[in-house]
Amino acid sequence: MTKKVLVICGTGVATSTVVAMKIKDFCESRGIAIAVTQGKVMDIVRGIEGYDLIVATTPIPATVQIPVIEGLSFLTGIGLDATLEKIAEALS
């Protein structure tokens, strides 16, 4: 079954593109079927129903009920392997 991942950054453009590509590559290498959508924090206000996971490089409101994984390691490289493992675990 294909899992839906929402990648959130400040503007929903550059940073989320980099993160989304890395997540897609990682999941493909693990045989995890995903569909990735990019967005910005304001998109959460409009509704995020149907997503299985959010990966965010910016703070997310505490009211969000979908699992959220902090994605700053995609930008810094520090702790990236651990973050990718958390994503794999959350999607399995």
PDB file of N, CA and C in Angstrom:
ATOM      1  N   MET A   1       0.837  -1.173   0.000  1.00  0.00           N
ATOM      2  CA  MET A   1       0.000   0.000   0.000  1.00  0.00           C
ATOM      3  C   MET A   1       0.895   1.254   0.000  1.00  0.00           C
ATOM      4  N   THR A   2       0.552   2.202  -0.809  1.00  0.00           N
ATOM      5  CA  THR A   2       1.322   3.438  -0.907  1.00  0.00           C
ATOM      6  C   THR A   2       1.015   4.348   0.271  1.00  0.00           C
ATOM      7  N   LYS A   3       2.072   4.805   0.938  1.00  0.00           N
ATOM      8  CA  LYS A   3       1.939   5.721   2.060  1.00  0.00           C
ATOM      9  C   LYS A   3       2.070   7.149   1.550  1.00  0.00           C
ATOM     10  N   LYS A   4       1.343   8.059   2.177  1.00  0.00           N
ATOM     11  CA  LYS A   4       1.381   9.463   1.777  1.00  0.00           C
ATOM     12  C   LYS A   4       2.203  10.264   2.778  1.00  0.00           C
ATOM     13  N   VAL A   5       3.237  10.950   2.264  1.00  0.00           N
ATOM     14  CA  VAL A   5       4.134  11.746   3.086  1.00  0.00           C
ATOM     15  C   VAL A   5       4.024  13.202   2.659  1.00  0.00           C
ATOM     16  N   LEU A   6       3.887  14.079   3.640  1.00  0.00           N
ATOM     17  CA  LEU A   6       3.858  15.515   3.393  1.00  0.00           C
ATOM     18  C   LEU A   6       5.157  16.105   3.918  1.00  0.00           C
ATOM     19  N   VAL A   7       5.922  16.749   3.039  1.00  0.00           N
ATOM     20  CA  VAL A   7       7.180  17.384   3.421  1.00  0.00           C
ATOM     21  C   VAL A   7       6.916  18.883   3.541  1.00  0.00           C
ATOM     22  N   ILE A   8       7.168  19.413   4.738  1.00  0.00           N
ATOM     23  CA  ILE A   8       6.857  20.811   5.041  1.00  0.00           C
ATOM     24  C   ILE A   8       8.136  21.602   5.287  1.00  0.00           C
ATOM     25  N   CYS A   9       8.228  22.776   4.637  1.00  0.00           N
ATOM     26  CA  CYS A   9       9.306  23.720   4.928  1.00  0.00           C
ATOM     27  C   CYS A   9       8.673  25.112   5.032  1.00  0.00           C
ATOM     28  N   GLY A  10       9.480  26.118   5.206  1.00  0.00           N
ATOM     29  CA  GLY A  10       8.964  27.466   5.398  1.00  0.00           C
ATOM     30  C   GLY A  10       8.132  27.992   4.246  1.00  0.00           C
ATOM     31  N   THR A  11       8.582  27.759   3.006  1.00  0.00           N
ATOM     32  CA  THR A  11       7.867  28.298   1.852  1.00  0.00           C
ATOM     33  C   THR A  11       7.263  27.226   0.950  1.00  0.00           C
ATOM     34  N   GLY A  12       7.603  25.980   1.164  1.00  0.00           N
ATOM     35  CA  GLY A  12       7.060  24.900   0.341  1.00  0.00           C
ATOM     36  C   GLY A  12       7.721  24.780  -1.007  1.00  0.00           C
ATOM     37  N   VAL A  13       8.941  25.313  -1.152  1.00  0.00           N
ATOM     38  CA  VAL A  13       9.601  25.285  -2.458  1.00  0.00           C
ATOM     39  C   VAL A  13      10.951  24.568  -2.377  1.00  0.00           C
ATOM     40  N   ALA A  14      12.005  25.308  -2.132  1.00  0.00           N
ATOM     41  CA  ALA A  14      13.369  24.781  -2.275  1.00  0.00           C
ATOM     42  C   ALA A  14      13.717  23.692  -1.271  1.00  0.00           C
ATOM     43  N   THR A  15      13.593  23.988  -0.002  1.00  0.00           N
ATOM     44  CA  THR A  15      13.999  23.021   1.020  1.00  0.00           C
ATOM     45  C   THR A  15      13.166  21.753   0.929  1.00  0.00           C
ATOM     46  N   SER A  16      11.873  21.894   0.774  1.00  0.00           N
ATOM     47  CA  SER A  16      11.017  20.705   0.710  1.00  0.00           C
ATOM     48  C   SER A  16      11.328  19.863  -0.519  1.00  0.00           C
ATOM     49  N   THR A  17      11.786  20.494  -1.589  1.00  0.00           N
ATOM     50  CA  THR A  17      12.165  19.744  -2.793  1.00  0.00           C
ATOM     51  C   THR A  17      13.357  18.848  -2.511  1.00  0.00           C
ATOM     52  N   VAL A  18      14.371  19.382  -1.859  1.00  0.00           N
ATOM     53  CA  VAL A  18      15.565  18.603  -1.516  1.00  0.00           C
ATOM     54  C   VAL A  18      15.190  17.444  -0.603  1.00  0.00           C
ATOM     55  N   VAL A  19      14.417  17.730   0.427  1.00  0.00           N
ATOM     56  CA  VAL A  19      14.026  16.701   1.383  1.00  0.00           C
ATOM     57  C   VAL A  19      13.167  15.640   0.709  1.00  0.00           C
ATOM     58  N   ALA A  20      12.203  16.052  -0.081  1.00  0.00           N
ATOM     59  CA  ALA A  20      11.315  15.106  -0.768  1.00  0.00           C
ATOM     60  C   ALA A  20      12.105  14.155  -1.663  1.00  0.00           C
ATOM     61  N   MET A  21      13.076  14.668  -2.390  1.00  0.00           N
ATOM     62  CA  MET A  21      13.882  13.819  -3.274  1.00  0.00           C
ATOM     63  C   MET A  21      14.672  12.792  -2.471  1.00  0.00           C
ATOM     64  N   LYS A  22      15.246  13.209  -1.357  1.00  0.00           N
ATOM     65  CA  LYS A  22      16.017  12.277  -0.524  1.00  0.00           C
ATOM     66  C   LYS A  22      15.119  11.208   0.085  1.00  0.00           C
ATOM     67  N   ILE A  23      13.937  11.594   0.515  1.00  0.00           N
ATOM     68  CA  ILE A  23      12.997  10.618   1.075  1.00  0.00           C
ATOM     69  C   ILE A  23      12.557   9.628   0.009  1.00  0.00           C
ATOM     70  N   LYS A  24      12.243  10.117  -1.182  1.00  0.00           N
ATOM     71  CA  LYS A  24      11.837   9.231  -2.273  1.00  0.00           C
ATOM     72  C   LYS A  24      12.933   8.222  -2.594  1.00  0.00           C
ATOM     73  N   ASP A  25      14.162   8.693  -2.719  1.00  0.00           N
ATOM     74  CA  ASP A  25      15.286   7.799  -3.028  1.00  0.00           C
ATOM     75  C   ASP A  25      15.463   6.751  -1.937  1.00  0.00           C
ATOM     76  N   PHE A  26      15.418   7.184  -0.681  1.00  0.00           N
ATOM     77  CA  PHE A  26      15.590   6.262   0.437  1.00  0.00           C
ATOM     78  C   PHE A  26      14.488   5.211   0.445  1.00  0.00           C
ATOM     79  N   CYS A  27      13.238   5.653   0.342  1.00  0.00           N
ATOM     80  CA  CYS A  27      12.121   4.707   0.394  1.00  0.00           C
ATOM     81  C   CYS A  27      12.160   3.738  -0.784  1.00  0.00           C
ATOM     82  N   GLU A  28      12.526   4.233  -1.939  1.00  0.00           N
ATOM     83  CA  GLU A  28      12.647   3.360  -3.104  1.00  0.00           C
ATOM     84  C   GLU A  28      13.698   2.276  -2.851  1.00  0.00           C
ATOM     85  N   SER A  29      14.812   2.652  -2.244  1.00  0.00           N
ATOM     86  CA  SER A  29      15.877   1.679  -1.965  1.00  0.00           C
ATOM     87  C   SER A  29      15.441   0.645  -0.932  1.00  0.00           C
ATOM     88  N   ARG A  30      14.454   0.983  -0.115  1.00  0.00           N
ATOM     89  CA  ARG A  30      13.936   0.068   0.906  1.00  0.00           C
ATOM     90  C   ARG A  30      12.675  -0.667   0.455  1.00  0.00           C
ATOM     91  N   GLY A  31      12.201  -0.356  -0.747  1.00  0.00           N
ATOM     92  CA  GLY A  31      10.988  -1.004  -1.238  1.00  0.00           C
ATOM     93  C   GLY A  31       9.719  -0.486  -0.578  1.00  0.00           C
ATOM     94  N   ILE A  32       9.762   0.737  -0.077  1.00  0.00           N
ATOM     95  CA  ILE A  32       8.593   1.354   0.555  1.00  0.00           C
ATOM     96  C   ILE A  32       7.903   2.233  -0.477  1.00  0.00           C
ATOM     97  N   ALA A  33       6.661   1.924  -0.765  1.00  0.00           N
ATOM     98  CA  ALA A  33       5.898   2.693  -1.753  1.00  0.00           C
ATOM     99  C   ALA A  33       5.345   3.957  -1.097  1.00  0.00           C
ATOM    100  N   ILE A  34       5.745   5.122  -1.632  1.00  0.00           N
ATOM    101  CA  ILE A  34       5.271   6.386  -1.069  1.00  0.00           C
ATOM    102  C   ILE A  34       4.850   7.348  -2.174  1.00  0.00           C
ATOM    103  N   ALA A  35       4.002   8.272  -1.780  1.00  0.00           N
ATOM    104  CA  ALA A  35       3.653   9.417  -2.602  1.00  0.00           C
ATOM    105  C   ALA A  35       3.996  10.637  -1.757  1.00  0.00           C
ATOM    106  N   VAL A  36       4.845  11.508  -2.271  1.00  0.00           N
ATOM    107  CA  VAL A  36       5.314  12.659  -1.510  1.00  0.00           C
ATOM    108  C   VAL A  36       4.698  13.935  -2.064  1.00  0.00           C
ATOM    109  N   THR A  37       4.201  14.762  -1.144  1.00  0.00           N
ATOM    110  CA  THR A  37       3.672  16.073  -1.478  1.00  0.00           C
ATOM    111  C   THR A  37       4.487  17.097  -0.698  1.00  0.00           C
ATOM    112  N   GLN A  38       4.776  18.209  -1.323  1.00  0.00           N
ATOM    113  CA  GLN A  38       5.520  19.285  -0.672  1.00  0.00           C
ATOM    114  C   GLN A  38       4.560  20.397  -0.284  1.00  0.00           C
ATOM    115  N   GLY A  39       4.914  21.092   0.810  1.00  0.00           N
ATOM    116  CA  GLY A  39       4.072  22.197   1.225  1.00  0.00           C
ATOM    117  C   GLY A  39       4.756  23.083   2.238  1.00  0.00           C
ATOM    118  N   LYS A  40       3.990  24.060   2.702  1.00  0.00           N
ATOM    119  CA  LYS A  40       4.474  24.986   3.731  1.00  0.00           C
ATOM    120  C   LYS A  40       3.565  24.872   4.944  1.00  0.00           C
ATOM    121  N   VAL A  41       3.982  25.435   6.058  1.00  0.00           N
ATOM    122  CA  VAL A  41       3.223  25.304   7.297  1.00  0.00           C
ATOM    123  C   VAL A  41       1.778  25.761   7.111  1.00  0.00           C
ATOM    124  N   MET A  42       1.561  26.807   6.378  1.00  0.00           N
ATOM    125  CA  MET A  42       0.188  27.301   6.175  1.00  0.00           C
ATOM    126  C   MET A  42      -0.710  26.269   5.497  1.00  0.00           C
ATOM    127  N   ASP A  43      -0.128  25.334   4.760  1.00  0.00           N
ATOM    128  CA  ASP A  43      -0.934  24.283   4.125  1.00  0.00           C
ATOM    129  C   ASP A  43      -1.605  23.401   5.173  1.00  0.00           C
ATOM    130  N   ILE A  44      -1.003  23.306   6.352  1.00  0.00           N
ATOM    131  CA  ILE A  44      -1.579  22.494   7.416  1.00  0.00           C
ATOM    132  C   ILE A  44      -2.920  23.079   7.857  1.00  0.00           C
ATOM    133  N   VAL A  45      -3.025  24.380   7.834  1.00  0.00           N
ATOM    134  CA  VAL A  45      -4.272  25.046   8.215  1.00  0.00           C
ATOM    135  C   VAL A  45      -5.394  24.655   7.260  1.00  0.00           C
ATOM    136  N   ARG A  46      -5.061  24.473   6.002  1.00  0.00           N
ATOM    137  CA  ARG A  46      -6.071  24.141   4.978  1.00  0.00           C
ATOM    138  C   ARG A  46      -6.544  22.699   5.067  1.00  0.00           C
ATOM    139  N   GLY A  47      -5.780  21.848   5.748  1.00  0.00           N
ATOM    140  CA  GLY A  47      -6.190  20.450   5.897  1.00  0.00           C
ATOM    141  C   GLY A  47      -5.140  19.480   5.411  1.00  0.00           C
ATOM    142  N   ILE A  48      -4.908  18.476   6.214  1.00  0.00           N
ATOM    143  CA  ILE A  48      -3.882  17.489   5.881  1.00  0.00           C
ATOM    144  C   ILE A  48      -4.421  16.069   6.032  1.00  0.00           C
ATOM    145  N   GLU A  49      -5.695  15.912   5.854  1.00  0.00           N
ATOM    146  CA  GLU A  49      -6.298  14.595   5.977  1.00  0.00           C
ATOM    147  C   GLU A  49      -5.716  13.638   4.942  1.00  0.00           C
ATOM    148  N   GLY A  50      -5.556  12.415   5.342  1.00  0.00           N
ATOM    149  CA  GLY A  50      -5.119  11.390   4.415  1.00  0.00           C
ATOM    150  C   GLY A  50      -3.623  11.152   4.379  1.00  0.00           C
ATOM    151  N   TYR A  51      -2.836  11.970   5.061  1.00  0.00           N
ATOM    152  CA  TYR A  51      -1.388  11.754   5.087  1.00  0.00           C
ATOM    153  C   TYR A  51      -1.030  10.801   6.219  1.00  0.00           C
ATOM    154  N   ASP A  52      -0.009   9.985   5.967  1.00  0.00           N
ATOM    155  CA  ASP A  52       0.461   9.035   6.971  1.00  0.00           C
ATOM    156  C   ASP A  52       1.589   9.611   7.816  1.00  0.00           C
ATOM    157  N   LEU A  53       2.306  10.588   7.267  1.00  0.00           N
ATOM    158  CA  LEU A  53       3.479  11.122   7.948  1.00  0.00           C
ATOM    159  C   LEU A  53       3.786  12.520   7.430  1.00  0.00           C
ATOM    160  N   ILE A  54       4.285  13.369   8.333  1.00  0.00           N
ATOM    161  CA  ILE A  54       4.794  14.687   7.955  1.00  0.00           C
ATOM    162  C   ILE A  54       6.274  14.723   8.308  1.00  0.00           C
ATOM    163  N   VAL A  55       7.093  15.173   7.378  1.00  0.00           N
ATOM    164  CA  VAL A  55       8.509  15.426   7.642  1.00  0.00           C
ATOM    165  C   VAL A  55       8.679  16.935   7.488  1.00  0.00           C
ATOM    166  N   ALA A  56       9.149  17.587   8.556  1.00  0.00           N
ATOM    167  CA  ALA A  56       9.168  19.046   8.572  1.00  0.00           C
ATOM    168  C   ALA A  56      10.547  19.594   8.914  1.00  0.00           C
ATOM    169  N   THR A  57      10.931  20.645   8.189  1.00  0.00           N
ATOM    170  CA  THR A  57      12.183  21.344   8.495  1.00  0.00           C
ATOM    171  C   THR A  57      11.906  22.648   9.238  1.00  0.00           C
ATOM    172  N   THR A  58      10.682  22.839   9.630  1.00  0.00           N
ATOM    173  CA  THR A  58      10.246  24.031  10.349  1.00  0.00           C
ATOM    174  C   THR A  58       9.260  23.591  11.433  1.00  0.00           C
ATOM    175  N   PRO A  59       9.064  24.374  12.472  1.00  0.00           N
ATOM    176  CA  PRO A  59       8.130  23.974  13.539  1.00  0.00           C
ATOM    177  C   PRO A  59       6.704  23.754  13.014  1.00  0.00           C
ATOM    178  N   ILE A  60       6.079  22.733  13.557  1.00  0.00           N
ATOM    179  CA  ILE A  60       4.714  22.358  13.190  1.00  0.00           C
ATOM    180  C   ILE A  60       3.826  22.564  14.419  1.00  0.00           C
ATOM    181  N   PRO A  61       2.615  23.075  14.246  1.00  0.00           N
ATOM    182  CA  PRO A  61       1.728  23.264  15.396  1.00  0.00           C
ATOM    183  C   PRO A  61       1.510  21.964  16.173  1.00  0.00           C
ATOM    184  N   ALA A  62       1.483  22.072  17.485  1.00  0.00           N
ATOM    185  CA  ALA A  62       1.319  20.900  18.347  1.00  0.00           C
ATOM    186  C   ALA A  62      -0.046  20.238  18.180  1.00  0.00           C
ATOM    187  N   THR A  63      -0.975  20.926  17.571  1.00  0.00           N
ATOM    188  CA  THR A  63      -2.323  20.381  17.389  1.00  0.00           C
ATOM    189  C   THR A  63      -2.409  19.348  16.271  1.00  0.00           C
ATOM    190  N   VAL A  64      -1.354  19.218  15.478  1.00  0.00           N
ATOM    191  CA  VAL A  64      -1.353  18.262  14.361  1.00  0.00           C
ATOM    192  C   VAL A  64      -1.417  16.841  14.920  1.00  0.00           C
ATOM    193  N   GLN A  65      -2.334  16.049  14.398  1.00  0.00           N
ATOM    194  CA  GLN A  65      -2.562  14.690  14.893  1.00  0.00           C
ATOM    195  C   GLN A  65      -1.811  13.620  14.104  1.00  0.00           C
ATOM    196  N   ILE A  66      -1.212  13.989  12.998  1.00  0.00           N
ATOM    197  CA  ILE A  66      -0.451  13.057  12.171  1.00  0.00           C
ATOM    198  C   ILE A  66       0.977  12.985  12.710  1.00  0.00           C
ATOM    199  N   PRO A  67       1.611  11.810  12.693  1.00  0.00           N
ATOM    200  CA  PRO A  67       3.004  11.734  13.151  1.00  0.00           C
ATOM    201  C   PRO A  67       3.901  12.706  12.380  1.00  0.00           C
ATOM    202  N   VAL A  68       4.781  13.403  13.126  1.00  0.00           N
ATOM    203  CA  VAL A  68       5.700  14.382  12.545  1.00  0.00           C
ATOM    204  C   VAL A  68       7.134  13.978  12.884  1.00  0.00           C
ATOM    205  N   ILE A  69       7.994  13.987  11.881  1.00  0.00           N
ATOM    206  CA  ILE A  69       9.420  13.740  12.078  1.00  0.00           C
ATOM    207  C   ILE A  69      10.167  15.000  11.682  1.00  0.00           C
ATOM    208  N   GLU A  70      11.042  15.458  12.575  1.00  0.00           N
ATOM    209  CA  GLU A  70      11.848  16.646  12.299  1.00  0.00           C
ATOM    210  C   GLU A  70      12.850  16.314  11.203  1.00  0.00           C
ATOM    211  N   GLY A  71      12.931  17.177  10.187  1.00  0.00           N
ATOM    212  CA  GLY A  71      13.758  16.895   9.022  1.00  0.00           C
ATOM    213  C   GLY A  71      14.975  17.775   8.850  1.00  0.00           C
ATOM    214  N   LEU A  72      15.404  18.478   9.892  1.00  0.00           N
ATOM    215  CA  LEU A  72      16.581  19.343   9.755  1.00  0.00           C
ATOM    216  C   LEU A  72      17.838  18.577   9.378  1.00  0.00           C
ATOM    217  N   SER A  73      17.902  17.307   9.744  1.00  0.00           N
ATOM    218  CA  SER A  73      19.094  16.519   9.414  1.00  0.00           C
ATOM    219  C   SER A  73      19.287  16.373   7.908  1.00  0.00           C
ATOM    220  N   PHE A  74      18.216  16.537   7.133  1.00  0.00           N
ATOM    221  CA  PHE A  74      18.354  16.496   5.672  1.00  0.00           C
ATOM    222  C   PHE A  74      19.172  17.676   5.172  1.00  0.00           C
ATOM    223  N   LEU A  75      19.165  18.748   5.922  1.00  0.00           N
ATOM    224  CA  LEU A  75      19.896  19.945   5.522  1.00  0.00           C
ATOM    225  C   LEU A  75      21.303  19.986   6.097  1.00  0.00           C
ATOM    226  N   THR A  76      21.448  19.493   7.324  1.00  0.00           N
ATOM    227  CA  THR A  76      22.755  19.545   7.986  1.00  0.00           C
ATOM    228  C   THR A  76      23.581  18.295   7.760  1.00  0.00           C
ATOM    229  N   GLY A  77      22.913  17.179   7.503  1.00  0.00           N
ATOM    230  CA  GLY A  77      23.610  15.905   7.374  1.00  0.00           C
ATOM    231  C   GLY A  77      23.846  15.231   8.713  1.00  0.00           C
ATOM    232  N   ILE A  78      23.685  15.956   9.797  1.00  0.00           N
ATOM    233  CA  ILE A  78      23.914  15.417  11.135  1.00  0.00           C
ATOM    234  C   ILE A  78      22.691  14.612  11.569  1.00  0.00           C
ATOM    235  N   GLY A  79      22.893  13.329  11.812  1.00  0.00           N
ATOM    236  CA  GLY A  79      21.800  12.458  12.238  1.00  0.00           C
ATOM    237  C   GLY A  79      20.884  12.019  11.122  1.00  0.00           C
ATOM    238  N   LEU A  80      21.316  12.172   9.883  1.00  0.00           N
ATOM    239  CA  LEU A  80      20.454  11.838   8.744  1.00  0.00           C
ATOM    240  C   LEU A  80      20.067  10.365   8.723  1.00  0.00           C
ATOM    241  N   ASP A  81      21.019   9.476   8.975  1.00  0.00           N
ATOM    242  CA  ASP A  81      20.691   8.048   8.960  1.00  0.00           C
ATOM    243  C   ASP A  81      19.616   7.710   9.984  1.00  0.00           C
ATOM    244  N   ALA A  82      19.716   8.303  11.167  1.00  0.00           N
ATOM    245  CA  ALA A  82      18.718   8.056  12.211  1.00  0.00           C
ATOM    246  C   ALA A  82      17.347   8.583  11.784  1.00  0.00           C
ATOM    247  N   THR A  83      17.323   9.733  11.150  1.00  0.00           N
ATOM    248  CA  THR A  83      16.058  10.297  10.666  1.00  0.00           C
ATOM    249  C   THR A  83      15.438   9.405   9.606  1.00  0.00           C
ATOM    250  N   LEU A  84      16.249   8.922   8.690  1.00  0.00           N
ATOM    251  CA  LEU A  84      15.737   8.026   7.645  1.00  0.00           C
ATOM    252  C   LEU A  84      15.183   6.737   8.252  1.00  0.00           C
ATOM    253  N   GLU A  85      15.830   6.224   9.282  1.00  0.00           N
ATOM    254  CA  GLU A  85      15.333   5.018   9.949  1.00  0.00           C
ATOM    255  C   GLU A  85      14.000   5.308  10.635  1.00  0.00           C
ATOM    256  N   LYS A  86      13.851   6.489  11.225  1.00  0.00           N
ATOM    257  CA  LYS A  86      12.577   6.862  11.853  1.00  0.00           C
ATOM    258  C   LYS A  86      11.472   6.902  10.800  1.00  0.00           C
ATOM    259  N   ILE A  87      11.808   7.432   9.629  1.00  0.00           N
ATOM    260  CA  ILE A  87      10.822   7.495   8.545  1.00  0.00           C
ATOM    261  C   ILE A  87      10.419   6.091   8.110  1.00  0.00           C
ATOM    262  N   ALA A  88      11.384   5.219   7.927  1.00  0.00           N
ATOM    263  CA  ALA A  88      11.093   3.832   7.537  1.00  0.00           C
ATOM    264  C   ALA A  88      10.210   3.157   8.569  1.00  0.00           C
ATOM    265  N   GLU A  89      10.518   3.370   9.835  1.00  0.00           N
ATOM    266  CA  GLU A  89       9.739   2.771  10.906  1.00  0.00           C
ATOM    267  C   GLU A  89       8.314   3.318  10.916  1.00  0.00           C
ATOM    268  N   ALA A  90       8.180   4.624  10.754  1.00  0.00           N
ATOM    269  CA  ALA A  90       6.853   5.247  10.765  1.00  0.00           C
ATOM    270  C   ALA A  90       5.989   4.788   9.591  1.00  0.00           C
ATOM    271  N   LEU A  91       6.610   4.445   8.483  1.00  0.00           N
ATOM    272  CA  LEU A  91       5.854   4.054   7.288  1.00  0.00           C
ATOM    273  C   LEU A  91       5.619   2.551   7.179  1.00  0.00           C
ATOM    274  N   SER A  92       6.208   1.781   8.081  1.00  0.00           N
ATOM    275  CA  SER A  92       6.016   0.325   7.995  1.00  0.00           C
ATOM    276  C   SER A  92       4.900  -0.157   8.888  1.00  0.00           C
TER     277      SER A  92
END
